[in-house]
Amino acid sequence: MEPLLLLNSLLSAAIGGIIGNRTDEIFCRVMQEVVNRLRQGGSPVNHDLQRAVREAYLRATLVVCYALLRRTGCTSTSVEARP
C-alpha cells in the first residue's frame, strides 16, 4: 500500500507543478502585455488605470513645478504652497 501512496503523492506534486507553471506563464504574459501598453502610451487596459496614470502624471508635474519655484526663489502669493 505504501508504493501506491508514494505514487499518488508524486503524481499530485507533478500535476500541481504543471498547473502552477502554466498559471505563472499566463500571468507573466498578461503582465508583460500591460507593461508594453503602458510603455507605448497606447490605450490603457481600463478606465481606472487611465485615471490613475493621469493623476500620477499630474501630481508629478506639480512636484516638478514646485521644486522649480523653490529653486528660483519665487515668493509669489498666488502660488499655493504644496508638498
PDB file of N, CA and C in Angstrom:
ATOM      1  N   MET A   1       0.816  -1.187   0.000  1.00  0.00           N
ATOM      2  CA  MET A   1       0.000   0.000   0.000  1.00  0.00           C
ATOM      3  C   MET A   1       0.869   1.264   0.000  1.00  0.00           C
ATOM      4  N   GLU A   2       2.042   1.206   0.591  1.00  0.00           N
ATOM      5  CA  GLU A   2       2.920   2.368   0.635  1.00  0.00           C
ATOM      6  C   GLU A   2       3.371   2.813  -0.752  1.00  0.00           C
ATOM      7  N   PRO A   3       3.715   1.913  -1.675  1.00  0.00           N
ATOM      8  CA  PRO A   3       4.108   2.370  -3.006  1.00  0.00           C
ATOM      9  C   PRO A   3       2.982   3.130  -3.703  1.00  0.00           C
ATOM     10  N   LEU A   4       1.740   2.729  -3.438  1.00  0.00           N
ATOM     11  CA  LEU A   4       0.595   3.401  -4.040  1.00  0.00           C
ATOM     12  C   LEU A   4       0.455   4.830  -3.497  1.00  0.00           C
ATOM     13  N   LEU A   5       0.686   5.010  -2.201  1.00  0.00           N
ATOM     14  CA  LEU A   5       0.636   6.342  -1.606  1.00  0.00           C
ATOM     15  C   LEU A   5       1.764   7.219  -2.134  1.00  0.00           C
ATOM     16  N   LEU A   6       2.938   6.636  -2.311  1.00  0.00           N
ATOM     17  CA  LEU A   6       4.086   7.367  -2.842  1.00  0.00           C
ATOM     18  C   LEU A   6       3.805   7.807  -4.276  1.00  0.00           C
ATOM     19  N   LEU A   7       3.245   6.902  -5.072  1.00  0.00           N
ATOM     20  CA  LEU A   7       2.907   7.221  -6.457  1.00  0.00           C
ATOM     21  C   LEU A   7       1.857   8.331  -6.504  1.00  0.00           C
ATOM     22  N   ASN A   8       0.866   8.242  -5.629  1.00  0.00           N
ATOM     23  CA  ASN A   8      -0.172   9.262  -5.559  1.00  0.00           C
ATOM     24  C   ASN A   8       0.430  10.624  -5.197  1.00  0.00           C
ATOM     25  N   SER A   9       1.342  10.646  -4.258  1.00  0.00           N
ATOM     26  CA  SER A   9       1.994  11.895  -3.853  1.00  0.00           C
ATOM     27  C   SER A   9       2.824  12.478  -4.977  1.00  0.00           C
ATOM     28  N   LEU A  10       3.559  11.611  -5.669  1.00  0.00           N
ATOM     29  CA  LEU A  10       4.381  12.084  -6.783  1.00  0.00           C
ATOM     30  C   LEU A  10       3.529  12.631  -7.917  1.00  0.00           C
ATOM     31  N   LEU A  11       2.448  11.951  -8.234  1.00  0.00           N
ATOM     32  CA  LEU A  11       1.553  12.429  -9.283  1.00  0.00           C
ATOM     33  C   LEU A  11       0.904  13.751  -8.896  1.00  0.00           C
ATOM     34  N   SER A  12       0.503  13.860  -7.654  1.00  0.00           N
ATOM     35  CA  SER A  12      -0.107  15.109  -7.181  1.00  0.00           C
ATOM     36  C   SER A  12       0.880  16.267  -7.289  1.00  0.00           C
ATOM     37  N   ALA A  13       2.122  16.022  -6.885  1.00  0.00           N
ATOM     38  CA  ALA A  13       3.146  17.060  -6.961  1.00  0.00           C
ATOM     39  C   ALA A  13       3.433  17.436  -8.409  1.00  0.00           C
ATOM     40  N   ALA A  14       3.495  16.445  -9.278  1.00  0.00           N
ATOM     41  CA  ALA A  14       3.772  16.710 -10.691  1.00  0.00           C
ATOM     42  C   ALA A  14       2.645  17.506 -11.331  1.00  0.00           C
ATOM     43  N   ILE A  15       1.419  17.110 -11.078  1.00  0.00           N
ATOM     44  CA  ILE A  15       0.276  17.812 -11.656  1.00  0.00           C
ATOM     45  C   ILE A  15       0.182  19.231 -11.083  1.00  0.00           C
ATOM     46  N   GLY A  16       0.414  19.370  -9.792  1.00  0.00           N
ATOM     47  CA  GLY A  16       0.423  20.701  -9.180  1.00  0.00           C
ATOM     48  C   GLY A  16       1.501  21.588  -9.774  1.00  0.00           C
ATOM     49  N   GLY A  17       2.663  21.016 -10.030  1.00  0.00           N
ATOM     50  CA  GLY A  17       3.753  21.781 -10.644  1.00  0.00           C
ATOM     51  C   GLY A  17       3.417  22.218 -12.052  1.00  0.00           C
ATOM     52  N   ILE A  18       2.808  21.326 -12.820  1.00  0.00           N
ATOM     53  CA  ILE A  18       2.433  21.662 -14.197  1.00  0.00           C
ATOM     54  C   ILE A  18       1.394  22.782 -14.195  1.00  0.00           C
ATOM     55  N   ILE A  19       0.389  22.656 -13.362  1.00  0.00           N
ATOM     56  CA  ILE A  19      -0.660  23.688 -13.293  1.00  0.00           C
ATOM     57  C   ILE A  19      -0.059  25.014 -12.816  1.00  0.00           C
ATOM     58  N   GLY A  20       0.797  24.957 -11.827  1.00  0.00           N
ATOM     59  CA  GLY A  20       1.440  26.171 -11.328  1.00  0.00           C
ATOM     60  C   GLY A  20       2.297  26.843 -12.380  1.00  0.00           C
ATOM     61  N   ASN A  21       3.057  26.064 -13.139  1.00  0.00           N
ATOM     62  CA  ASN A  21       3.901  26.619 -14.191  1.00  0.00           C
ATOM     63  C   ASN A  21       3.081  27.270 -15.291  1.00  0.00           C
ATOM     64  N   ARG A  22       2.001  26.625 -15.690  1.00  0.00           N
ATOM     65  CA  ARG A  22       1.139  27.185 -16.734  1.00  0.00           C
ATOM     66  C   ARG A  22       0.491  28.480 -16.244  1.00  0.00           C
ATOM     67  N   THR A  23       0.040  28.494 -15.000  1.00  0.00           N
ATOM     68  CA  THR A  23      -0.582  29.697 -14.439  1.00  0.00           C
ATOM     69  C   THR A  23       0.429  30.829 -14.378  1.00  0.00           C
ATOM     70  N   ASP A  24       1.651  30.536 -13.960  1.00  0.00           N
ATOM     71  CA  ASP A  24       2.695  31.545 -13.896  1.00  0.00           C
ATOM     72  C   ASP A  24       3.013  32.083 -15.285  1.00  0.00           C
ATOM     73  N   GLU A  25       3.065  31.214 -16.261  1.00  0.00           N
ATOM     74  CA  GLU A  25       3.358  31.640 -17.631  1.00  0.00           C
ATOM     75  C   GLU A  25       2.273  32.592 -18.149  1.00  0.00           C
ATOM     76  N   ILE A  26       1.029  32.261 -17.903  1.00  0.00           N
ATOM     77  CA  ILE A  26      -0.087  33.109 -18.346  1.00  0.00           C
ATOM     78  C   ILE A  26      -0.039  34.445 -17.625  1.00  0.00           C
ATOM     79  N   PHE A  27       0.194  34.421 -16.322  1.00  0.00           N
ATOM     80  CA  PHE A  27       0.278  35.654 -15.539  1.00  0.00           C
ATOM     81  C   PHE A  27       1.402  36.545 -16.063  1.00  0.00           C
ATOM     82  N   CYS A  28       2.573  35.962 -16.326  1.00  0.00           N
ATOM     83  CA  CYS A  28       3.707  36.747 -16.829  1.00  0.00           C
ATOM     84  C   CYS A  28       3.403  37.336 -18.197  1.00  0.00           C
ATOM     85  N   ARG A  29       2.721  36.583 -19.034  1.00  0.00           N
ATOM     86  CA  ARG A  29       2.357  37.072 -20.361  1.00  0.00           C
ATOM     87  C   ARG A  29       1.397  38.262 -20.258  1.00  0.00           C
ATOM     88  N   VAL A  30       0.401  38.155 -19.382  1.00  0.00           N
ATOM     89  CA  VAL A  30      -0.563  39.243 -19.200  1.00  0.00           C
ATOM     90  C   VAL A  30       0.146  40.485 -18.653  1.00  0.00           C
ATOM     91  N   MET A  31       0.993  40.313 -17.657  1.00  0.00           N
ATOM     92  CA  MET A  31       1.694  41.452 -17.075  1.00  0.00           C
ATOM     93  C   MET A  31       2.640  42.099 -18.087  1.00  0.00           C
ATOM     94  N   GLN A  32       3.272  41.305 -18.933  1.00  0.00           N
ATOM     95  CA  GLN A  32       4.145  41.852 -19.972  1.00  0.00           C
ATOM     96  C   GLN A  32       3.335  42.682 -20.958  1.00  0.00           C
ATOM     97  N   GLU A  33       2.132  42.242 -21.282  1.00  0.00           N
ATOM     98  CA  GLU A  33       1.257  42.996 -22.179  1.00  0.00           C
ATOM     99  C   GLU A  33       0.862  44.326 -21.550  1.00  0.00           C
ATOM    100  N   VAL A  34       0.565  44.327 -20.264  1.00  0.00           N
ATOM    101  CA  VAL A  34       0.219  45.572 -19.562  1.00  0.00           C
ATOM    102  C   VAL A  34       1.406  46.530 -19.602  1.00  0.00           C
ATOM    103  N   VAL A  35       2.588  46.026 -19.309  1.00  0.00           N
ATOM    104  CA  VAL A  35       3.799  46.859 -19.327  1.00  0.00           C
ATOM    105  C   VAL A  35       4.038  47.410 -20.729  1.00  0.00           C
ATOM    106  N   ASN A  36       3.885  46.584 -21.742  1.00  0.00           N
ATOM    107  CA  ASN A  36       4.093  47.046 -23.121  1.00  0.00           C
ATOM    108  C   ASN A  36       3.106  48.148 -23.492  1.00  0.00           C
ATOM    109  N   ARG A  37       1.851  47.986 -23.114  1.00  0.00           N
ATOM    110  CA  ARG A  37       0.852  49.019 -23.428  1.00  0.00           C
ATOM    111  C   ARG A  37       1.161  50.327 -22.715  1.00  0.00           C
ATOM    112  N   LEU A  38       1.614  50.231 -21.467  1.00  0.00           N
ATOM    113  CA  LEU A  38       1.954  51.448 -20.737  1.00  0.00           C
ATOM    114  C   LEU A  38       3.171  52.135 -21.338  1.00  0.00           C
ATOM    115  N   ARG A  39       4.155  51.371 -21.773  1.00  0.00           N
ATOM    116  CA  ARG A  39       5.356  51.943 -22.380  1.00  0.00           C
ATOM    117  C   ARG A  39       5.062  52.587 -23.724  1.00  0.00           C
ATOM    118  N   GLN A  40       4.189  51.977 -24.501  1.00  0.00           N
ATOM    119  CA  GLN A  40       3.873  52.501 -25.824  1.00  0.00           C
ATOM    120  C   GLN A  40       2.956  53.709 -25.751  1.00  0.00           C
ATOM    121  N   GLY A  41       2.338  53.911 -24.618  1.00  0.00           N
ATOM    122  CA  GLY A  41       1.438  55.036 -24.477  1.00  0.00           C
ATOM    123  C   GLY A  41       0.109  54.798 -25.169  1.00  0.00           C
ATOM    124  N   GLY A  42      -0.178  53.577 -25.485  1.00  0.00           N
ATOM    125  CA  GLY A  42      -1.446  53.253 -26.121  1.00  0.00           C
ATOM    126  C   GLY A  42      -2.582  53.337 -25.126  1.00  0.00           C
ATOM    127  N   SER A  43      -3.721  52.871 -25.548  1.00  0.00           N
ATOM    128  CA  SER A  43      -4.880  52.957 -24.667  1.00  0.00           C
ATOM    129  C   SER A  43      -4.668  52.070 -23.444  1.00  0.00           C
ATOM    130  N   PRO A  44      -4.983  52.591 -22.274  1.00  0.00           N
ATOM    131  CA  PRO A  44      -4.820  51.805 -21.054  1.00  0.00           C
ATOM    132  C   PRO A  44      -5.725  50.576 -21.034  1.00  0.00           C
ATOM    133  N   VAL A  45      -5.393  49.672 -20.163  1.00  0.00           N
ATOM    134  CA  VAL A  45      -6.148  48.433 -20.072  1.00  0.00           C
ATOM    135  C   VAL A  45      -7.583  48.707 -19.668  1.00  0.00           C
ATOM    136  N   ASN A  46      -7.813  49.670 -18.778  1.00  0.00           N
ATOM    137  CA  ASN A  46      -9.177  50.016 -18.395  1.00  0.00           C
ATOM    138  C   ASN A  46      -9.242  51.463 -17.919  1.00  0.00           C
ATOM    139  N   HIS A  47     -10.443  51.930 -17.681  1.00  0.00           N
ATOM    140  CA  HIS A  47     -10.662  53.326 -17.312  1.00  0.00           C
ATOM    141  C   HIS A  47     -10.005  53.679 -15.978  1.00  0.00           C
ATOM    142  N   ASP A  48     -10.040  52.778 -15.013  1.00  0.00           N
ATOM    143  CA  ASP A  48      -9.415  53.042 -13.712  1.00  0.00           C
ATOM    144  C   ASP A  48      -7.912  53.223 -13.849  1.00  0.00           C
ATOM    145  N   LEU A  49      -7.312  52.411 -14.685  1.00  0.00           N
ATOM    146  CA  LEU A  49      -5.865  52.538 -14.914  1.00  0.00           C
ATOM    147  C   LEU A  49      -5.563  53.860 -15.608  1.00  0.00           C
ATOM    148  N   GLN A  50      -6.396  54.244 -16.566  1.00  0.00           N
ATOM    149  CA  GLN A  50      -6.209  55.507 -17.253  1.00  0.00           C
ATOM    150  C   GLN A  50      -6.276  56.668 -16.265  1.00  0.00           C
ATOM    151  N   ARG A  51      -7.246  56.640 -15.379  1.00  0.00           N
ATOM    152  CA  ARG A  51      -7.400  57.693 -14.380  1.00  0.00           C
ATOM    153  C   ARG A  51      -6.187  57.728 -13.446  1.00  0.00           C
ATOM    154  N   ALA A  52      -5.712  56.564 -13.017  1.00  0.00           N
ATOM    155  CA  ALA A  52      -4.570  56.502 -12.101  1.00  0.00           C
ATOM    156  C   ALA A  52      -3.298  57.027 -12.769  1.00  0.00           C
ATOM    157  N   VAL A  53      -3.086  56.674 -14.027  1.00  0.00           N
ATOM    158  CA  VAL A  53      -1.895  57.136 -14.746  1.00  0.00           C
ATOM    159  C   VAL A  53      -1.952  58.650 -14.923  1.00  0.00           C
ATOM    160  N   ARG A  54      -3.113  59.168 -15.284  1.00  0.00           N
ATOM    161  CA  ARG A  54      -3.256  60.622 -15.469  1.00  0.00           C
ATOM    162  C   ARG A  54      -3.028  61.365 -14.154  1.00  0.00           C
ATOM    163  N   GLU A  55      -3.606  60.870 -13.065  1.00  0.00           N
ATOM    164  CA  GLU A  55      -3.421  61.519 -11.769  1.00  0.00           C
ATOM    165  C   GLU A  55      -1.947  61.500 -11.359  1.00  0.00           C
ATOM    166  N   ALA A  56      -1.274  60.385 -11.571  1.00  0.00           N
ATOM    167  CA  ALA A  56       0.156  60.302 -11.235  1.00  0.00           C
ATOM    168  C   ALA A  56       0.964  61.289 -12.075  1.00  0.00           C
ATOM    169  N   TYR A  57       0.623  61.420 -13.350  1.00  0.00           N
ATOM    170  CA  TYR A  57       1.307  62.355 -14.233  1.00  0.00           C
ATOM    171  C   TYR A  57       1.112  63.794 -13.750  1.00  0.00           C
ATOM    172  N   LEU A  58      -0.121  64.144 -13.403  1.00  0.00           N
ATOM    173  CA  LEU A  58      -0.395  65.499 -12.940  1.00  0.00           C
ATOM    174  C   LEU A  58       0.299  65.801 -11.612  1.00  0.00           C
ATOM    175  N   ARG A  59       0.294  64.832 -10.707  1.00  0.00           N
ATOM    176  CA  ARG A  59       0.976  65.039  -9.420  1.00  0.00           C
ATOM    177  C   ARG A  59       2.486  65.197  -9.625  1.00  0.00           C
ATOM    178  N   ALA A  60       3.061  64.418 -10.515  1.00  0.00           N
ATOM    179  CA  ALA A  60       4.498  64.533 -10.794  1.00  0.00           C
ATOM    180  C   ALA A  60       4.814  65.898 -11.400  1.00  0.00           C
ATOM    181  N   THR A  61       3.927  66.377 -12.269  1.00  0.00           N
ATOM    182  CA  THR A  61       4.120  67.699 -12.855  1.00  0.00           C
ATOM    183  C   THR A  61       4.098  68.778 -11.776  1.00  0.00           C
ATOM    184  N   LEU A  62       3.163  68.677 -10.833  1.00  0.00           N
ATOM    185  CA  LEU A  62       3.105  69.642  -9.732  1.00  0.00           C
ATOM    186  C   LEU A  62       4.386  69.617  -8.898  1.00  0.00           C
ATOM    187  N   VAL A  63       4.881  68.443  -8.610  1.00  0.00           N
ATOM    188  CA  VAL A  63       6.111  68.326  -7.819  1.00  0.00           C
ATOM    189  C   VAL A  63       7.261  69.026  -8.528  1.00  0.00           C
ATOM    190  N   VAL A  64       7.383  68.829  -9.830  1.00  0.00           N
ATOM    191  CA  VAL A  64       8.458  69.463 -10.597  1.00  0.00           C
ATOM    192  C   VAL A  64       8.276  70.987 -10.600  1.00  0.00           C
ATOM    193  N   CYS A  65       7.044  71.436 -10.793  1.00  0.00           N
ATOM    194  CA  CYS A  65       6.787  72.883 -10.811  1.00  0.00           C
ATOM    195  C   CYS A  65       7.133  73.524  -9.470  1.00  0.00           C
ATOM    196  N   TYR A  66       6.709  72.909  -8.385  1.00  0.00           N
ATOM    197  CA  TYR A  66       7.001  73.472  -7.065  1.00  0.00           C
ATOM    198  C   TYR A  66       8.498  73.437  -6.746  1.00  0.00           C
ATOM    199  N   ALA A  67       9.173  72.414  -7.196  1.00  0.00           N
ATOM    200  CA  ALA A  67      10.625  72.354  -6.992  1.00  0.00           C
ATOM    201  C   ALA A  67      11.309  73.479  -7.760  1.00  0.00           C
ATOM    202  N   LEU A  68      10.854  73.743  -8.969  1.00  0.00           N
ATOM    203  CA  LEU A  68      11.432  74.823  -9.761  1.00  0.00           C
ATOM    204  C   LEU A  68      11.140  76.184  -9.115  1.00  0.00           C
ATOM    205  N   LEU A  69       9.938  76.357  -8.610  1.00  0.00           N
ATOM    206  CA  LEU A  69       9.605  77.609  -7.926  1.00  0.00           C
ATOM    207  C   LEU A  69      10.482  77.819  -6.702  1.00  0.00           C
ATOM    208  N   ARG A  70      10.699  76.765  -5.929  1.00  0.00           N
ATOM    209  CA  ARG A  70      11.560  76.877  -4.746  1.00  0.00           C
ATOM    210  C   ARG A  70      12.995  77.195  -5.148  1.00  0.00           C
ATOM    211  N   ARG A  71      13.459  76.566  -6.225  1.00  0.00           N
ATOM    212  CA  ARG A  71      14.846  76.769  -6.654  1.00  0.00           C
ATOM    213  C   ARG A  71      15.059  78.206  -7.123  1.00  0.00           C
ATOM    214  N   THR A  72      14.071  78.758  -7.811  1.00  0.00           N
ATOM    215  CA  THR A  72      14.221  80.121  -8.318  1.00  0.00           C
ATOM    216  C   THR A  72      13.910  81.168  -7.259  1.00  0.00           C
ATOM    217  N   GLY A  73      13.392  80.734  -6.116  1.00  0.00           N
ATOM    218  CA  GLY A  73      13.120  81.662  -5.026  1.00  0.00           C
ATOM    219  C   GLY A  73      11.857  82.471  -5.221  1.00  0.00           C
ATOM    220  N   CYS A  74      10.935  81.960  -5.983  1.00  0.00           N
ATOM    221  CA  CYS A  74       9.677  82.657  -6.226  1.00  0.00           C
ATOM    222  C   CYS A  74       8.900  82.778  -4.919  1.00  0.00           C
ATOM    223  N   THR A  75       8.473  84.006  -4.602  1.00  0.00           N
ATOM    224  CA  THR A  75       7.721  84.238  -3.372  1.00  0.00           C
ATOM    225  C   THR A  75       6.330  84.763  -3.670  1.00  0.00           C
ATOM    226  N   SER A  76       5.835  84.507  -4.837  1.00  0.00           N
ATOM    227  CA  SER A  76       4.519  84.991  -5.244  1.00  0.00           C
ATOM    228  C   SER A  76       3.451  84.448  -4.301  1.00  0.00           C
ATOM    229  N   THR A  77       2.506  85.316  -3.933  1.00  0.00           N
ATOM    230  CA  THR A  77       1.430  84.879  -3.066  1.00  0.00           C
ATOM    231  C   THR A  77       0.358  84.111  -3.821  1.00  0.00           C
ATOM    232  N   SER A  78       0.409  84.161  -5.143  1.00  0.00           N
ATOM    233  CA  SER A  78      -0.603  83.447  -5.931  1.00  0.00           C
ATOM    234  C   SER A  78      -0.284  81.966  -6.046  1.00  0.00           C
ATOM    235  N   VAL A  79       0.894  81.563  -5.627  1.00  0.00           N
ATOM    236  CA  VAL A  79       1.282  80.144  -5.688  1.00  0.00           C
ATOM    237  C   VAL A  79       0.984  79.519  -4.346  1.00  0.00           C
ATOM    238  N   GLU A  80       0.109  78.544  -4.374  1.00  0.00           N
ATOM    239  CA  GLU A  80      -0.265  77.857  -3.137  1.00  0.00           C
ATOM    240  C   GLU A  80       0.858  76.887  -2.756  1.00  0.00           C
ATOM    241  N   ALA A  81       1.266  76.912  -1.494  1.00  0.00           N
ATOM    242  CA  ALA A  81       2.342  76.036  -1.036  1.00  0.00           C
ATOM    243  C   ALA A  81       1.815  74.608  -0.891  1.00  0.00           C
ATOM    244  N   ARG A  82       2.371  73.725  -1.626  1.00  0.00           N
ATOM    245  CA  ARG A  82       2.017  72.293  -1.560  1.00  0.00           C
ATOM    246  C   ARG A  82       3.307  71.481  -1.477  1.00  0.00           C
ATOM    247  N   PRO A  83       3.195  70.314  -0.901  1.00  0.00           N
ATOM    248  CA  PRO A  83       4.404  69.469  -0.810  1.00  0.00           C
ATOM    249  C   PRO A  83       4.795  68.906  -2.152  1.00  0.00           C
TER     250      PRO A  83
END
